[in-house]
């Protein structure tokens, strides 16, 4: 299945730093770091001060930071990419398709969290 998104809620946030498209974004408007809580996934790239759409509920397309199996729970790596959640960090979504490796774009079901 090709990567797609079905956003049920897209928020507009002011970027507080450089954010790459398809990366996890924190509630403060920064690109998420390793294990960080995220409010959603950036639809476009942004630099500090830009307004950017962030998918917060539903499904979204995120860039993988490593191979991810379909059905795996994902979290953010240091670059805001999706990697498989194992034992720690905020659970941000469930992979709806597999990622062959870093740089792959996959659809995930976003999980609301308050970590």
PDB file of N, CA and C in Angstrom:
ATOM      1  N   UNK A   1       0.855  -1.169   0.000  1.00  0.00           N
ATOM      2  CA  UNK A   1       0.000   0.000   0.000  1.00  0.00           C
ATOM      3  C   UNK A   1       0.901   1.231   0.000  1.00  0.00           C
ATOM      4  N   UNK A   2       0.667   2.169  -0.915  1.00  0.00           N
ATOM      5  CA  UNK A   2       1.481   3.385  -0.906  1.00  0.00           C
ATOM      6  C   UNK A   2       1.149   4.264   0.293  1.00  0.00           C
ATOM      7  N   UNK A   3       2.155   4.998   0.761  1.00  0.00           N
ATOM      8  CA  UNK A   3       1.957   5.878   1.914  1.00  0.00           C
ATOM      9  C   UNK A   3       0.922   6.950   1.600  1.00  0.00           C
ATOM     10  N   UNK A   4       0.009   7.156   2.512  1.00  0.00           N
ATOM     11  CA  UNK A   4      -1.042   8.166   2.378  1.00  0.00           C
ATOM     12  C   UNK A   4      -1.314   8.736   3.757  1.00  0.00           C
ATOM     13  N   UNK A   5      -2.163   9.724   3.842  1.00  0.00           N
ATOM     14  CA  UNK A   5      -2.577  10.177   5.166  1.00  0.00           C
ATOM     15  C   UNK A   5      -4.068  10.478   5.155  1.00  0.00           C
ATOM     16  N   UNK A   6      -4.691  10.203   6.291  1.00  0.00           N
ATOM     17  CA  UNK A   6      -6.099  10.525   6.511  1.00  0.00           C
ATOM     18  C   UNK A   6      -6.133  11.276   7.841  1.00  0.00           C
ATOM     19  N   UNK A   7      -5.877  12.556   7.751  1.00  0.00           N
ATOM     20  CA  UNK A   7      -5.828  13.378   8.962  1.00  0.00           C
ATOM     21  C   UNK A   7      -7.233  13.721   9.419  1.00  0.00           C
ATOM     22  N   UNK A   8      -7.522  13.454  10.677  1.00  0.00           N
ATOM     23  CA  UNK A   8      -8.789  13.838  11.273  1.00  0.00           C
ATOM     24  C   UNK A   8      -8.672  15.182  11.965  1.00  0.00           C
ATOM     25  N   UNK A   9      -7.453  15.548  12.350  1.00  0.00           N
ATOM     26  CA  UNK A   9      -7.182  16.845  12.959  1.00  0.00           C
ATOM     27  C   UNK A   9      -5.789  17.284  12.555  1.00  0.00           C
ATOM     28  N   UNK A  10      -5.703  18.427  11.890  1.00  0.00           N
ATOM     29  CA  UNK A  10      -4.423  19.026  11.531  1.00  0.00           C
ATOM     30  C   UNK A  10      -4.332  20.369  12.235  1.00  0.00           C
ATOM     31  N   UNK A  11      -3.285  20.550  13.031  1.00  0.00           N
ATOM     32  CA  UNK A  11      -3.072  21.788  13.770  1.00  0.00           C
ATOM     33  C   UNK A  11      -2.047  22.647  13.048  1.00  0.00           C
ATOM     34  N   UNK A  12      -2.142  23.949  13.196  1.00  0.00           N
ATOM     35  CA  UNK A  12      -1.132  24.856  12.673  1.00  0.00           C
ATOM     36  C   UNK A  12      -0.279  25.316  13.841  1.00  0.00           C
ATOM     37  N   UNK A  13       1.020  25.034  13.761  1.00  0.00           N
ATOM     38  CA  UNK A  13       1.956  25.421  14.809  1.00  0.00           C
ATOM     39  C   UNK A  13       3.003  26.369  14.254  1.00  0.00           C
ATOM     40  N   UNK A  14       3.544  27.215  15.098  1.00  0.00           N
ATOM     41  CA  UNK A  14       4.685  28.046  14.726  1.00  0.00           C
ATOM     42  C   UNK A  14       5.950  27.240  15.004  1.00  0.00           C
ATOM     43  N   UNK A  15       6.781  27.081  13.998  1.00  0.00           N
ATOM     44  CA  UNK A  15       8.030  26.338  14.164  1.00  0.00           C
ATOM     45  C   UNK A  15       8.980  27.126  15.065  1.00  0.00           C
ATOM     46  N   UNK A  16       9.617  26.431  15.991  1.00  0.00           N
ATOM     47  CA  UNK A  16      10.595  27.072  16.866  1.00  0.00           C
ATOM     48  C   UNK A  16      12.010  26.666  16.494  1.00  0.00           C
ATOM     49  N   UNK A  17      12.165  26.059  15.352  1.00  0.00           N
ATOM     50  CA  UNK A  17      13.465  25.629  14.837  1.00  0.00           C
ATOM     51  C   UNK A  17      13.247  25.031  13.468  1.00  0.00           C
ATOM     52  N   UNK A  18      14.277  24.451  12.907  1.00  0.00           N
ATOM     53  CA  UNK A  18      14.170  23.808  11.598  1.00  0.00           C
ATOM     54  C   UNK A  18      13.499  22.450  11.754  1.00  0.00           C
ATOM     55  N   UNK A  19      12.493  22.204  10.923  1.00  0.00           N
ATOM     56  CA  UNK A  19      11.744  20.953  10.959  1.00  0.00           C
ATOM     57  C   UNK A  19      11.688  20.400   9.544  1.00  0.00           C
ATOM     58  N   UNK A  20      12.049  19.155   9.388  1.00  0.00           N
ATOM     59  CA  UNK A  20      11.950  18.486   8.088  1.00  0.00           C
ATOM     60  C   UNK A  20      10.533  17.962   7.905  1.00  0.00           C
ATOM     61  N   UNK A  21      10.096  17.883   6.673  1.00  0.00           N
ATOM     62  CA  UNK A  21       8.780  17.308   6.377  1.00  0.00           C
ATOM     63  C   UNK A  21       8.751  15.849   6.816  1.00  0.00           C
ATOM     64  N   UNK A  22       7.565  15.388   7.234  1.00  0.00           N
ATOM     65  CA  UNK A  22       7.332  13.989   7.605  1.00  0.00           C
ATOM     66  C   UNK A  22       8.124  13.568   8.838  1.00  0.00           C
ATOM     67  N   UNK A  23       8.372  14.498   9.741  1.00  0.00           N
ATOM     68  CA  UNK A  23       9.051  14.203  11.005  1.00  0.00           C
ATOM     69  C   UNK A  23       8.109  14.530  12.160  1.00  0.00           C
ATOM     70  N   UNK A  24       8.325  13.884  13.294  1.00  0.00           N
ATOM     71  CA  UNK A  24       7.532  14.154  14.489  1.00  0.00           C
ATOM     72  C   UNK A  24       7.837  15.559  15.014  1.00  0.00           C
ATOM     73  N   UNK A  25       6.792  16.228  15.519  1.00  0.00           N
ATOM     74  CA  UNK A  25       6.894  17.603  16.022  1.00  0.00           C
ATOM     75  C   UNK A  25       6.378  17.635  17.462  1.00  0.00           C
ATOM     76  N   UNK A  26       7.087  18.368  18.329  1.00  0.00           N
ATOM     77  CA  UNK A  26       6.682  18.496  19.726  1.00  0.00           C
ATOM     78  C   UNK A  26       5.573  19.536  19.870  1.00  0.00           C
ATOM     79  N   UNK A  27       4.880  19.531  21.005  1.00  0.00           N
ATOM     80  CA  UNK A  27       3.859  20.557  21.243  1.00  0.00           C
ATOM     81  C   UNK A  27       4.432  21.979  21.217  1.00  0.00           C
ATOM     82  N   UNK A  28       5.739  22.127  21.461  1.00  0.00           N
ATOM     83  CA  UNK A  28       6.382  23.436  21.450  1.00  0.00           C
ATOM     84  C   UNK A  28       6.752  23.900  20.042  1.00  0.00           C
ATOM     85  N   UNK A  29       6.500  23.072  19.023  1.00  0.00           N
ATOM     86  CA  UNK A  29       6.801  23.465  17.646  1.00  0.00           C
ATOM     87  C   UNK A  29       8.213  23.155  17.194  1.00  0.00           C
ATOM     88  N   UNK A  30       8.885  22.243  17.881  1.00  0.00           N
ATOM     89  CA  UNK A  30      10.239  21.826  17.506  1.00  0.00           C
ATOM     90  C   UNK A  30      10.205  20.414  16.927  1.00  0.00           C
ATOM     91  N   UNK A  31      11.205  20.096  16.129  1.00  0.00           N
ATOM     92  CA  UNK A  31      11.320  18.722  15.651  1.00  0.00           C
ATOM     93  C   UNK A  31      11.636  17.836  16.852  1.00  0.00           C
ATOM     94  N   UNK A  32      10.914  16.740  16.998  1.00  0.00           N
ATOM     95  CA  UNK A  32      11.090  15.856  18.150  1.00  0.00           C
ATOM     96  C   UNK A  32      12.469  15.220  18.156  1.00  0.00           C
ATOM     97  N   UNK A  33      12.981  14.998  19.358  1.00  0.00           N
ATOM     98  CA  UNK A  33      14.237  14.295  19.535  1.00  0.00           C
ATOM     99  C   UNK A  33      13.983  12.872  20.008  1.00  0.00           C
ATOM    100  N   UNK A  34      15.039  12.180  20.346  1.00  0.00           N
ATOM    101  CA  UNK A  34      14.947  10.786  20.759  1.00  0.00           C
ATOM    102  C   UNK A  34      13.990  10.604  21.927  1.00  0.00           C
ATOM    103  N   UNK A  35      13.053   9.696  21.776  1.00  0.00           N
ATOM    104  CA  UNK A  35      12.095   9.299  22.821  1.00  0.00           C
ATOM    105  C   UNK A  35      11.111  10.392  23.212  1.00  0.00           C
ATOM    106  N   UNK A  36      11.131  11.544  22.532  1.00  0.00           N
ATOM    107  CA  UNK A  36      10.317  12.699  22.928  1.00  0.00           C
ATOM    108  C   UNK A  36       8.834  12.494  22.660  1.00  0.00           C
ATOM    109  N   UNK A  37       8.039  13.196  23.450  1.00  0.00           N
ATOM    110  CA  UNK A  37       6.609  13.282  23.194  1.00  0.00           C
ATOM    111  C   UNK A  37       6.420  14.133  21.937  1.00  0.00           C
ATOM    112  N   UNK A  38       5.419  13.836  21.153  1.00  0.00           N
ATOM    113  CA  UNK A  38       5.132  14.620  19.947  1.00  0.00           C
ATOM    114  C   UNK A  38       3.642  14.846  19.844  1.00  0.00           C
ATOM    115  N   UNK A  39       3.280  15.961  19.246  1.00  0.00           N
ATOM    116  CA  UNK A  39       1.873  16.278  19.041  1.00  0.00           C
ATOM    117  C   UNK A  39       1.396  15.735  17.696  1.00  0.00           C
ATOM    118  N   UNK A  40       2.341  15.438  16.795  1.00  0.00           N
ATOM    119  CA  UNK A  40       1.977  14.917  15.485  1.00  0.00           C
ATOM    120  C   UNK A  40       3.145  14.926  14.528  1.00  0.00           C
ATOM    121  N   UNK A  41       2.803  14.934  13.228  1.00  0.00           N
ATOM    122  CA  UNK A  41       3.799  14.840  12.168  1.00  0.00           C
ATOM    123  C   UNK A  41       3.677  16.045  11.243  1.00  0.00           C
ATOM    124  N   UNK A  42       4.819  16.666  10.930  1.00  0.00           N
ATOM    125  CA  UNK A  42       4.848  17.825  10.036  1.00  0.00           C
ATOM    126  C   UNK A  42       4.528  17.400   8.603  1.00  0.00           C
ATOM    127  N   UNK A  43       3.617  18.116   7.971  1.00  0.00           N
ATOM    128  CA  UNK A  43       3.294  17.844   6.566  1.00  0.00           C
ATOM    129  C   UNK A  43       4.316  18.445   5.614  1.00  0.00           C
ATOM    130  N   UNK A  44       4.938  19.542   6.032  1.00  0.00           N
ATOM    131  CA  UNK A  44       5.904  20.246   5.183  1.00  0.00           C
ATOM    132  C   UNK A  44       7.127  20.610   6.022  1.00  0.00           C
ATOM    133  N   UNK A  45       8.203  20.993   5.352  1.00  0.00           N
ATOM    134  CA  UNK A  45       9.399  21.479   6.038  1.00  0.00           C
ATOM    135  C   UNK A  45       9.156  22.909   6.493  1.00  0.00           C
ATOM    136  N   UNK A  46       9.838  23.308   7.562  1.00  0.00           N
ATOM    137  CA  UNK A  46       9.683  24.664   8.081  1.00  0.00           C
ATOM    138  C   UNK A  46      10.958  25.103   8.781  1.00  0.00           C
ATOM    139  N   UNK A  47      11.110  26.424   8.900  1.00  0.00           N
ATOM    140  CA  UNK A  47      12.189  27.010   9.693  1.00  0.00           C
ATOM    141  C   UNK A  47      11.550  27.856  10.781  1.00  0.00           C
ATOM    142  N   UNK A  48      12.342  28.256  11.740  1.00  0.00           N
ATOM    143  CA  UNK A  48      11.827  29.003  12.885  1.00  0.00           C
ATOM    144  C   UNK A  48      10.954  30.182  12.446  1.00  0.00           C
ATOM    145  N   UNK A  49       9.761  30.261  13.040  1.00  0.00           N
ATOM    146  CA  UNK A  49       8.820  31.329  12.743  1.00  0.00           C
ATOM    147  C   UNK A  49       7.777  30.967  11.704  1.00  0.00           C
ATOM    148  N   UNK A  50       8.060  29.954  10.876  1.00  0.00           N
ATOM    149  CA  UNK A  50       7.074  29.511   9.879  1.00  0.00           C
ATOM    150  C   UNK A  50       5.873  28.880  10.565  1.00  0.00           C
ATOM    151  N   UNK A  51       4.717  29.020   9.968  1.00  0.00           N
ATOM    152  CA  UNK A  51       3.530  28.269  10.392  1.00  0.00           C
ATOM    153  C   UNK A  51       3.540  26.964   9.599  1.00  0.00           C
ATOM    154  N   UNK A  52       3.298  25.845  10.275  1.00  0.00           N
ATOM    155  CA  UNK A  52       3.292  24.578   9.558  1.00  0.00           C
ATOM    156  C   UNK A  52       2.127  23.713   9.994  1.00  0.00           C
ATOM    157  N   UNK A  53       1.556  22.961   9.029  1.00  0.00           N
ATOM    158  CA  UNK A  53       0.485  22.032   9.371  1.00  0.00           C
ATOM    159  C   UNK A  53       1.067  20.757   9.980  1.00  0.00           C
ATOM    160  N   UNK A  54       0.465  20.344  11.099  1.00  0.00           N
ATOM    161  CA  UNK A  54       0.914  19.147  11.809  1.00  0.00           C
ATOM    162  C   UNK A  54      -0.282  18.220  11.978  1.00  0.00           C
ATOM    163  N   UNK A  55      -0.202  17.029  11.380  1.00  0.00           N
ATOM    164  CA  UNK A  55      -1.262  16.035  11.557  1.00  0.00           C
ATOM    165  C   UNK A  55      -1.208  15.531  12.990  1.00  0.00           C
ATOM    166  N   UNK A  56      -2.324  15.684  13.727  1.00  0.00           N
ATOM    167  CA  UNK A  56      -2.350  15.326  15.141  1.00  0.00           C
ATOM    168  C   UNK A  56      -3.211  14.099  15.447  1.00  0.00           C
ATOM    169  N   UNK A  57      -4.245  13.858  14.659  1.00  0.00           N
ATOM    170  CA  UNK A  57      -5.115  12.686  14.832  1.00  0.00           C
ATOM    171  C   UNK A  57      -5.373  12.056  13.475  1.00  0.00           C
ATOM    172  N   UNK A  58      -5.515  10.757  13.478  1.00  0.00           N
ATOM    173  CA  UNK A  58      -5.770  10.032  12.236  1.00  0.00           C
ATOM    174  C   UNK A  58      -4.515   9.300  11.800  1.00  0.00           C
ATOM    175  N   UNK A  59      -4.286   9.274  10.488  1.00  0.00           N
ATOM    176  CA  UNK A  59      -3.052   8.681   9.983  1.00  0.00           C
ATOM    177  C   UNK A  59      -2.207   9.766   9.346  1.00  0.00           C
ATOM    178  N   UNK A  60      -0.907   9.505   9.280  1.00  0.00           N
ATOM    179  CA  UNK A  60       0.016  10.460   8.694  1.00  0.00           C
ATOM    180  C   UNK A  60       1.174   9.717   8.063  1.00  0.00           C
ATOM    181  N   UNK A  61       1.844  10.397   7.157  1.00  0.00           N
ATOM    182  CA  UNK A  61       3.046   9.842   6.527  1.00  0.00           C
ATOM    183  C   UNK A  61       4.252  10.377   7.289  1.00  0.00           C
ATOM    184  N   UNK A  62       5.095   9.457   7.760  1.00  0.00           N
ATOM    185  CA  UNK A  62       6.291   9.819   8.524  1.00  0.00           C
ATOM    186  C   UNK A  62       7.497   9.142   7.891  1.00  0.00           C
ATOM    187  N   UNK A  63       8.644   9.785   8.012  1.00  0.00           N
ATOM    188  CA  UNK A  63       9.888   9.206   7.513  1.00  0.00           C
ATOM    189  C   UNK A  63      10.456   8.255   8.556  1.00  0.00           C
ATOM    190  N   UNK A  64      10.811   7.063   8.129  1.00  0.00           N
ATOM    191  CA  UNK A  64      11.398   6.076   9.040  1.00  0.00           C
ATOM    192  C   UNK A  64      12.887   6.350   9.220  1.00  0.00           C
ATOM    193  N   UNK A  65      13.389   6.028  10.400  1.00  0.00           N
ATOM    194  CA  UNK A  65      14.812   6.173  10.696  1.00  0.00           C
ATOM    195  C   UNK A  65      15.544   4.846  10.678  1.00  0.00           C
ATOM    196  N   UNK A  66      14.818   3.764  10.432  1.00  0.00           N
ATOM    197  CA  UNK A  66      15.367   2.404  10.387  1.00  0.00           C
ATOM    198  C   UNK A  66      14.268   1.509   9.829  1.00  0.00           C
ATOM    199  N   UNK A  67      14.571   0.251   9.650  1.00  0.00           N
ATOM    200  CA  UNK A  67      13.536  -0.695   9.223  1.00  0.00           C
ATOM    201  C   UNK A  67      12.478  -0.786  10.315  1.00  0.00           C
ATOM    202  N   UNK A  68      11.210  -0.805   9.909  1.00  0.00           N
ATOM    203  CA  UNK A  68      10.084  -0.898  10.839  1.00  0.00           C
ATOM    204  C   UNK A  68       9.108  -1.924  10.268  1.00  0.00           C
ATOM    205  N   UNK A  69       8.648  -2.834  11.094  1.00  0.00           N
ATOM    206  CA  UNK A  69       7.679  -3.840  10.650  1.00  0.00           C
ATOM    207  C   UNK A  69       6.269  -3.259  10.686  1.00  0.00           C
ATOM    208  N   UNK A  70       5.430  -3.693   9.764  1.00  0.00           N
ATOM    209  CA  UNK A  70       4.017  -3.303   9.801  1.00  0.00           C
ATOM    210  C   UNK A  70       3.426  -3.793  11.116  1.00  0.00           C
ATOM    211  N   UNK A  71       2.668  -2.936  11.784  1.00  0.00           N
ATOM    212  CA  UNK A  71       2.056  -3.281  13.055  1.00  0.00           C
ATOM    213  C   UNK A  71       2.893  -2.919  14.265  1.00  0.00           C
ATOM    214  N   UNK A  72       4.136  -2.490  14.049  1.00  0.00           N
ATOM    215  CA  UNK A  72       5.006  -2.123  15.169  1.00  0.00           C
ATOM    216  C   UNK A  72       4.600  -0.779  15.756  1.00  0.00           C
ATOM    217  N   UNK A  73       4.763  -0.646  17.058  1.00  0.00           N
ATOM    218  CA  UNK A  73       4.593   0.650  17.717  1.00  0.00           C
ATOM    219  C   UNK A  73       5.856   1.446  17.454  1.00  0.00           C
ATOM    220  N   UNK A  74       5.693   2.757  17.149  1.00  0.00           N
ATOM    221  CA  UNK A  74       6.863   3.578  16.824  1.00  0.00           C
ATOM    222  C   UNK A  74       7.034   4.736  17.790  1.00  0.00           C
ATOM    223  N   UNK A  75       8.277   5.222  17.864  1.00  0.00           N
ATOM    224  CA  UNK A  75       8.659   6.392  18.642  1.00  0.00           C
ATOM    225  C   UNK A  75       9.592   7.226  17.778  1.00  0.00           C
ATOM    226  N   UNK A  76      10.015   8.367  18.298  1.00  0.00           N
ATOM    227  CA  UNK A  76      10.927   9.245  17.563  1.00  0.00           C
ATOM    228  C   UNK A  76      12.383   8.910  17.884  1.00  0.00           C
ATOM    229  N   UNK A  77      13.238   9.018  16.850  1.00  0.00           N
ATOM    230  CA  UNK A  77      14.675   8.938  17.087  1.00  0.00           C
ATOM    231  C   UNK A  77      15.206  10.362  17.250  1.00  0.00           C
ATOM    232  N   UNK A  78      16.507  10.546  17.324  1.00  0.00           N
ATOM    233  CA  UNK A  78      17.102  11.863  17.560  1.00  0.00           C
ATOM    234  C   UNK A  78      16.800  12.859  16.447  1.00  0.00           C
ATOM    235  N   UNK A  79      16.430  12.371  15.259  1.00  0.00           N
ATOM    236  CA  UNK A  79      16.116  13.239  14.118  1.00  0.00           C
ATOM    237  C   UNK A  79      14.624  13.390  13.882  1.00  0.00           C
ATOM    238  N   UNK A  80      13.805  12.893  14.796  1.00  0.00           N
ATOM    239  CA  UNK A  80      12.356  13.003  14.646  1.00  0.00           C
ATOM    240  C   UNK A  80      11.756  11.990  13.692  1.00  0.00           C
ATOM    241  N   UNK A  81      12.527  11.000  13.288  1.00  0.00           N
ATOM    242  CA  UNK A  81      12.038   9.946  12.405  1.00  0.00           C
ATOM    243  C   UNK A  81      11.426   8.813  13.231  1.00  0.00           C
ATOM    244  N   UNK A  82      10.606   7.993  12.586  1.00  0.00           N
ATOM    245  CA  UNK A  82       9.959   6.870  13.266  1.00  0.00           C
ATOM    246  C   UNK A  82      10.894   5.664  13.333  1.00  0.00           C
ATOM    247  N   UNK A  83      11.021   5.123  14.537  1.00  0.00           N
ATOM    248  CA  UNK A  83      11.736   3.870  14.745  1.00  0.00           C
ATOM    249  C   UNK A  83      10.877   2.996  15.655  1.00  0.00           C
ATOM    250  N   UNK A  84      11.182   1.730  15.704  1.00  0.00           N
ATOM    251  CA  UNK A  84      10.404   0.793  16.512  1.00  0.00           C
ATOM    252  C   UNK A  84      10.578   1.078  18.003  1.00  0.00           C
ATOM    253  N   UNK A  85       9.436   1.192  18.712  1.00  0.00           N
ATOM    254  CA  UNK A  85       9.447   1.340  20.157  1.00  0.00           C
ATOM    255  C   UNK A  85       9.736  -0.032  20.744  1.00  0.00           C
ATOM    256  N   UNK A  86      10.670  -0.099  21.706  1.00  0.00           N
ATOM    257  CA  UNK A  86      10.998  -1.378  22.324  1.00  0.00           C
ATOM    258  C   UNK A  86      10.660  -1.348  23.808  1.00  0.00           C
ATOM    259  N   UNK A  87      11.310  -0.480  24.578  1.00  0.00           N
ATOM    260  CA  UNK A  87      11.069  -0.460  26.022  1.00  0.00           C
ATOM    261  C   UNK A  87      10.924   0.929  26.625  1.00  0.00           C
ATOM    262  N   UNK A  88      11.285   1.974  25.897  1.00  0.00           N
ATOM    263  CA  UNK A  88      11.215   3.308  26.496  1.00  0.00           C
ATOM    264  C   UNK A  88      10.894   4.361  25.445  1.00  0.00           C
ATOM    265  N   UNK A  89      10.508   5.526  25.934  1.00  0.00           N
ATOM    266  CA  UNK A  89      10.166   6.632  25.045  1.00  0.00           C
ATOM    267  C   UNK A  89       8.670   6.712  24.828  1.00  0.00           C
ATOM    268  N   UNK A  90       8.226   7.856  24.307  1.00  0.00           N
ATOM    269  CA  UNK A  90       6.804   8.066  24.049  1.00  0.00           C
ATOM    270  C   UNK A  90       6.361   7.243  22.845  1.00  0.00           C
ATOM    271  N   UNK A  91       5.283   6.514  23.005  1.00  0.00           N
ATOM    272  CA  UNK A  91       4.690   5.747  21.904  1.00  0.00           C
ATOM    273  C   UNK A  91       3.873   6.719  21.065  1.00  0.00           C
ATOM    274  N   UNK A  92       4.278   6.913  19.808  1.00  0.00           N
ATOM    275  CA  UNK A  92       3.673   7.946  18.977  1.00  0.00           C
ATOM    276  C   UNK A  92       2.746   7.416  17.889  1.00  0.00           C
ATOM    277  N   UNK A  93       2.866   6.154  17.538  1.00  0.00           N
ATOM    278  CA  UNK A  93       2.007   5.633  16.484  1.00  0.00           C
ATOM    279  C   UNK A  93       2.189   4.148  16.275  1.00  0.00           C
ATOM    280  N   UNK A  94       1.379   3.623  15.352  1.00  0.00           N
ATOM    281  CA  UNK A  94       1.459   2.222  14.941  1.00  0.00           C
ATOM    282  C   UNK A  94       1.689   2.213  13.441  1.00  0.00           C
ATOM    283  N   UNK A  95       2.729   1.528  13.006  1.00  0.00           N
ATOM    284  CA  UNK A  95       3.058   1.455  11.585  1.00  0.00           C
ATOM    285  C   UNK A  95       1.983   0.659  10.841  1.00  0.00           C
ATOM    286  N   UNK A  96       1.395   1.263   9.831  1.00  0.00           N
ATOM    287  CA  UNK A  96       0.385   0.580   9.025  1.00  0.00           C
ATOM    288  C   UNK A  96       1.005  -0.124   7.834  1.00  0.00           C
ATOM    289  N   UNK A  97       2.288   0.119   7.620  1.00  0.00           N
ATOM    290  CA  UNK A  97       3.037  -0.562   6.567  1.00  0.00           C
ATOM    291  C   UNK A  97       4.492  -0.643   7.005  1.00  0.00           C
ATOM    292  N   UNK A  98       5.233  -1.522   6.362  1.00  0.00           N
ATOM    293  CA  UNK A  98       6.631  -1.720   6.729  1.00  0.00           C
ATOM    294  C   UNK A  98       7.530  -0.685   6.062  1.00  0.00           C
ATOM    295  N   UNK A  99       8.628  -0.363   6.745  1.00  0.00           N
ATOM    296  CA  UNK A  99       9.674   0.490   6.185  1.00  0.00           C
ATOM    297  C   UNK A  99      10.897  -0.380   5.928  1.00  0.00           C
ATOM    298  N   UNK A 100      11.443  -0.293   4.736  1.00  0.00           N
ATOM    299  CA  UNK A 100      12.618  -1.089   4.389  1.00  0.00           C
ATOM    300  C   UNK A 100      13.862  -0.602   5.122  1.00  0.00           C
ATOM    301  N   UNK A 101      13.886   0.679   5.467  1.00  0.00           N
ATOM    302  CA  UNK A 101      15.037   1.244   6.157  1.00  0.00           C
ATOM    303  C   UNK A 101      14.902   2.740   6.288  1.00  0.00           C
ATOM    304  N   UNK A 102      15.965   3.376   6.732  1.00  0.00           N
ATOM    305  CA  UNK A 102      15.968   4.821   6.932  1.00  0.00           C
ATOM    306  C   UNK A 102      15.633   5.549   5.630  1.00  0.00           C
ATOM    307  N   UNK A 103      14.779   6.552   5.745  1.00  0.00           N
ATOM    308  CA  UNK A 103      14.380   7.334   4.580  1.00  0.00           C
ATOM    309  C   UNK A 103      13.085   6.881   3.939  1.00  0.00           C
ATOM    310  N   UNK A 104      12.608   5.693   4.300  1.00  0.00           N
ATOM    311  CA  UNK A 104      11.333   5.205   3.761  1.00  0.00           C
ATOM    312  C   UNK A 104      10.191   6.033   4.333  1.00  0.00           C
ATOM    313  N   UNK A 105       9.195   6.330   3.517  1.00  0.00           N
ATOM    314  CA  UNK A 105       7.997   7.026   3.983  1.00  0.00           C
ATOM    315  C   UNK A 105       6.906   5.990   4.221  1.00  0.00           C
ATOM    316  N   UNK A 106       6.351   5.976   5.437  1.00  0.00           N
ATOM    317  CA  UNK A 106       5.324   5.002   5.787  1.00  0.00           C
ATOM    318  C   UNK A 106       4.129   5.706   6.424  1.00  0.00           C
ATOM    319  N   UNK A 107       2.973   5.074   6.294  1.00  0.00           N
ATOM    320  CA  UNK A 107       1.782   5.578   6.952  1.00  0.00           C
ATOM    321  C   UNK A 107       1.711   4.993   8.352  1.00  0.00           C
ATOM    322  N   UNK A 108       1.399   5.857   9.330  1.00  0.00           N
ATOM    323  CA  UNK A 108       1.213   5.400  10.705  1.00  0.00           C
ATOM    324  C   UNK A 108      -0.140   5.890  11.220  1.00  0.00           C
ATOM    325  N   UNK A 109      -0.677   5.154  12.159  1.00  0.00           N
ATOM    326  CA  UNK A 109      -1.848   5.590  12.906  1.00  0.00           C
ATOM    327  C   UNK A 109      -1.306   6.346  14.115  1.00  0.00           C
ATOM    328  N   UNK A 110      -1.620   7.640  14.207  1.00  0.00           N
ATOM    329  CA  UNK A 110      -1.121   8.465  15.303  1.00  0.00           C
ATOM    330  C   UNK A 110      -1.781   8.077  16.618  1.00  0.00           C
ATOM    331  N   UNK A 111      -0.976   7.989  17.679  1.00  0.00           N
ATOM    332  CA  UNK A 111      -1.486   7.685  19.019  1.00  0.00           C
ATOM    333  C   UNK A 111      -1.383   8.937  19.869  1.00  0.00           C
ATOM    334  N   UNK A 112      -2.513   9.452  20.344  1.00  0.00           N
ATOM    335  CA  UNK A 112      -2.434  10.592  21.266  1.00  0.00           C
ATOM    336  C   UNK A 112      -1.684  10.160  22.519  1.00  0.00           C
ATOM    337  N   UNK A 113      -0.804  11.020  23.004  1.00  0.00           N
ATOM    338  CA  UNK A 113      -0.057  10.676  24.206  1.00  0.00           C
ATOM    339  C   UNK A 113       0.206  11.924  25.018  1.00  0.00           C
ATOM    340  N   UNK A 114       0.471  11.728  26.262  1.00  0.00           N
ATOM    341  CA  UNK A 114       0.750  12.833  27.172  1.00  0.00           C
ATOM    342  C   UNK A 114       1.990  12.525  27.995  1.00  0.00           C
ATOM    343  N   UNK A 115       2.959  11.894  27.346  1.00  0.00           N
ATOM    344  CA  UNK A 115       4.191  11.507  28.038  1.00  0.00           C
ATOM    345  C   UNK A 115       4.993  12.718  28.453  1.00  0.00           C
TER     346      UNK A 115
END
